Amino acid sequence: MWKIAVGFALFAALSIFVILKAGDKADMGGEKHGAEAVHAPEPAASVPAAPAAPASAQ
């Protein structure tokens, strides 16, 4: 039983430490969907161009 209490105390202390270190950057709102989900646009994937076809086939 005492192991549960010690584990809880350690977990609570670690959680408080992480929250205090994050400061105002912590978003505790949960998952975002729709318009409120702001993501940076992903860079366009570099797709290699297809090789040029020969001008004349003999």
N, C-alpha and C. Protein backbone atom coordinates (compact mmCIF):
# COMPACT_ATOMS: atom_id res chain seq x y z
N MET A 1 0.82 -1.20 0.00
CA MET A 1 0.00 0.00 0.00
C MET A 1 0.86 1.26 0.00
N TRP A 2 1.95 1.21 0.76
CA TRP A 2 2.81 2.39 0.82
C TRP A 2 3.48 2.67 -0.52
N LYS A 3 3.67 1.61 -1.34
CA LYS A 3 4.28 1.79 -2.65
C LYS A 3 3.37 2.61 -3.56
N ILE A 4 2.07 2.40 -3.43
CA ILE A 4 1.11 3.17 -4.24
C ILE A 4 1.17 4.65 -3.85
N ALA A 5 1.23 4.92 -2.56
CA ALA A 5 1.29 6.32 -2.10
C ALA A 5 2.59 6.98 -2.55
N VAL A 6 3.71 6.27 -2.48
CA VAL A 6 4.99 6.83 -2.92
C VAL A 6 4.98 7.06 -4.43
N GLY A 7 4.44 6.11 -5.17
CA GLY A 7 4.33 6.27 -6.63
C GLY A 7 3.47 7.44 -7.01
N PHE A 8 2.35 7.61 -6.31
CA PHE A 8 1.47 8.74 -6.59
C PHE A 8 2.18 10.06 -6.30
N ALA A 9 2.89 10.13 -5.17
CA ALA A 9 3.60 11.36 -4.80
C ALA A 9 4.68 11.69 -5.83
N LEU A 10 5.42 10.68 -6.29
CA LEU A 10 6.45 10.93 -7.29
C LEU A 10 5.84 11.38 -8.62
N PHE A 11 4.76 10.73 -9.01
CA PHE A 11 4.10 11.11 -10.26
C PHE A 11 3.53 12.53 -10.17
N ALA A 12 2.93 12.87 -9.04
CA ALA A 12 2.39 14.22 -8.86
C ALA A 12 3.50 15.26 -8.88
N ALA A 13 4.62 14.97 -8.22
CA ALA A 13 5.73 15.92 -8.21
C ALA A 13 6.31 16.11 -9.61
N LEU A 14 6.45 15.02 -10.35
CA LEU A 14 6.95 15.12 -11.72
C LEU A 14 5.99 15.90 -12.60
N SER A 15 4.70 15.67 -12.45
CA SER A 15 3.69 16.38 -13.24
C SER A 15 3.72 17.88 -12.95
N ILE A 16 3.79 18.24 -11.69
CA ILE A 16 3.84 19.66 -11.33
C ILE A 16 5.12 20.29 -11.87
N PHE A 17 6.24 19.58 -11.79
CA PHE A 17 7.50 20.09 -12.31
C PHE A 17 7.40 20.38 -13.81
N VAL A 18 6.85 19.43 -14.57
CA VAL A 18 6.72 19.60 -16.02
C VAL A 18 5.79 20.76 -16.35
N ILE A 19 4.67 20.87 -15.66
CA ILE A 19 3.72 21.95 -15.92
C ILE A 19 4.35 23.30 -15.60
N LEU A 20 5.10 23.39 -14.50
CA LEU A 20 5.73 24.66 -14.14
C LEU A 20 6.85 25.03 -15.11
N LYS A 21 7.59 24.05 -15.61
CA LYS A 21 8.66 24.33 -16.57
C LYS A 21 8.09 24.78 -17.91
N ALA A 22 6.93 24.25 -18.32
CA ALA A 22 6.34 24.60 -19.61
C ALA A 22 5.80 26.02 -19.58
N GLY A 23 5.38 26.48 -18.44
CA GLY A 23 4.88 27.85 -18.33
C GLY A 23 3.64 28.07 -19.16
N ASP A 24 3.61 29.19 -19.90
CA ASP A 24 2.42 29.52 -20.69
C ASP A 24 2.41 28.82 -22.04
N LYS A 25 3.41 27.99 -22.33
CA LYS A 25 3.45 27.29 -23.61
C LYS A 25 2.67 25.99 -23.60
N ALA A 26 2.20 25.57 -22.43
CA ALA A 26 1.47 24.31 -22.34
C ALA A 26 0.03 24.51 -22.81
N ASP A 27 -0.39 23.69 -23.77
CA ASP A 27 -1.76 23.75 -24.27
C ASP A 27 -2.52 22.59 -23.64
N MET A 28 -3.37 22.89 -22.68
CA MET A 28 -4.10 21.84 -21.97
C MET A 28 -5.50 21.63 -22.55
N GLY A 29 -5.72 22.09 -23.79
CA GLY A 29 -7.04 22.04 -24.39
C GLY A 29 -7.42 20.71 -25.00
N GLY A 30 -6.50 19.79 -25.12
CA GLY A 30 -6.82 18.51 -25.74
C GLY A 30 -6.65 18.55 -27.25
N GLU A 31 -7.23 17.59 -27.94
CA GLU A 31 -7.09 17.52 -29.38
C GLU A 31 -7.85 18.65 -30.04
N LYS A 32 -7.29 19.16 -31.12
CA LYS A 32 -7.92 20.23 -31.89
C LYS A 32 -8.35 19.67 -33.24
N HIS A 33 -9.53 20.05 -33.66
CA HIS A 33 -10.05 19.63 -34.96
C HIS A 33 -10.66 20.84 -35.64
N GLY A 34 -10.59 20.86 -36.95
CA GLY A 34 -11.25 21.92 -37.70
C GLY A 34 -10.45 23.21 -37.74
N ALA A 35 -11.14 24.34 -37.71
CA ALA A 35 -10.52 25.65 -37.89
C ALA A 35 -9.58 26.02 -36.76
N GLU A 36 -9.86 25.55 -35.55
CA GLU A 36 -8.99 25.92 -34.43
C GLU A 36 -7.66 25.17 -34.45
N ALA A 37 -7.53 24.14 -35.28
CA ALA A 37 -6.27 23.42 -35.39
C ALA A 37 -5.37 24.17 -36.36
N VAL A 38 -4.35 24.81 -35.85
CA VAL A 38 -3.45 25.61 -36.68
C VAL A 38 -2.16 24.82 -36.86
N HIS A 39 -1.88 24.48 -38.11
CA HIS A 39 -0.65 23.75 -38.42
C HIS A 39 0.13 24.56 -39.44
N ALA A 40 1.43 24.50 -39.35
CA ALA A 40 2.26 25.13 -40.36
C ALA A 40 2.14 24.32 -41.65
N PRO A 41 2.09 24.99 -42.78
CA PRO A 41 1.98 24.23 -44.04
C PRO A 41 3.22 23.38 -44.26
N GLU A 42 2.99 22.17 -44.72
CA GLU A 42 4.11 21.28 -44.97
C GLU A 42 4.79 21.68 -46.27
N PRO A 43 6.10 21.57 -46.31
CA PRO A 43 6.79 21.90 -47.57
C PRO A 43 6.41 20.89 -48.64
N ALA A 44 6.38 21.38 -49.87
CA ALA A 44 6.01 20.50 -50.98
C ALA A 44 7.05 19.42 -51.13
N ALA A 45 6.59 18.21 -51.35
CA ALA A 45 7.51 17.09 -51.51
C ALA A 45 8.24 17.23 -52.83
N SER A 46 9.52 17.01 -52.79
CA SER A 46 10.29 17.13 -54.03
C SER A 46 10.12 15.84 -54.83
N VAL A 47 9.44 15.97 -55.95
CA VAL A 47 9.19 14.83 -56.83
C VAL A 47 10.12 14.96 -58.01
N PRO A 48 10.97 13.98 -58.25
CA PRO A 48 11.88 14.10 -59.40
C PRO A 48 11.09 14.09 -60.70
N ALA A 49 11.52 14.93 -61.63
CA ALA A 49 10.85 15.00 -62.93
C ALA A 49 11.13 13.72 -63.71
N ALA A 50 10.15 13.35 -64.53
CA ALA A 50 10.31 12.16 -65.36
C ALA A 50 11.39 12.43 -66.42
N PRO A 51 12.16 11.43 -66.77
CA PRO A 51 13.19 11.66 -67.79
C PRO A 51 12.55 12.03 -69.12
N ALA A 52 13.22 12.92 -69.84
CA ALA A 52 12.68 13.38 -71.12
C ALA A 52 12.70 12.23 -72.14
N ALA A 53 11.64 12.15 -72.92
CA ALA A 53 11.54 11.12 -73.95
C ALA A 53 12.45 11.50 -75.11
N PRO A 54 13.00 10.52 -75.81
CA PRO A 54 13.84 10.85 -76.98
C PRO A 54 13.02 11.59 -78.04
N ALA A 55 13.66 12.52 -78.72
CA ALA A 55 12.97 13.35 -79.72
C ALA A 55 12.45 12.52 -80.89
N SER A 56 13.24 11.56 -81.34
CA SER A 56 12.79 10.76 -82.48
C SER A 56 13.09 9.28 -82.21
N ALA A 57 12.15 8.46 -82.54
CA ALA A 57 12.32 7.03 -82.35
C ALA A 57 12.53 6.40 -83.72
N GLN A 58 13.64 5.69 -83.97
CA GLN A 58 13.92 5.09 -85.27
C GLN A 58 13.87 3.60 -85.22
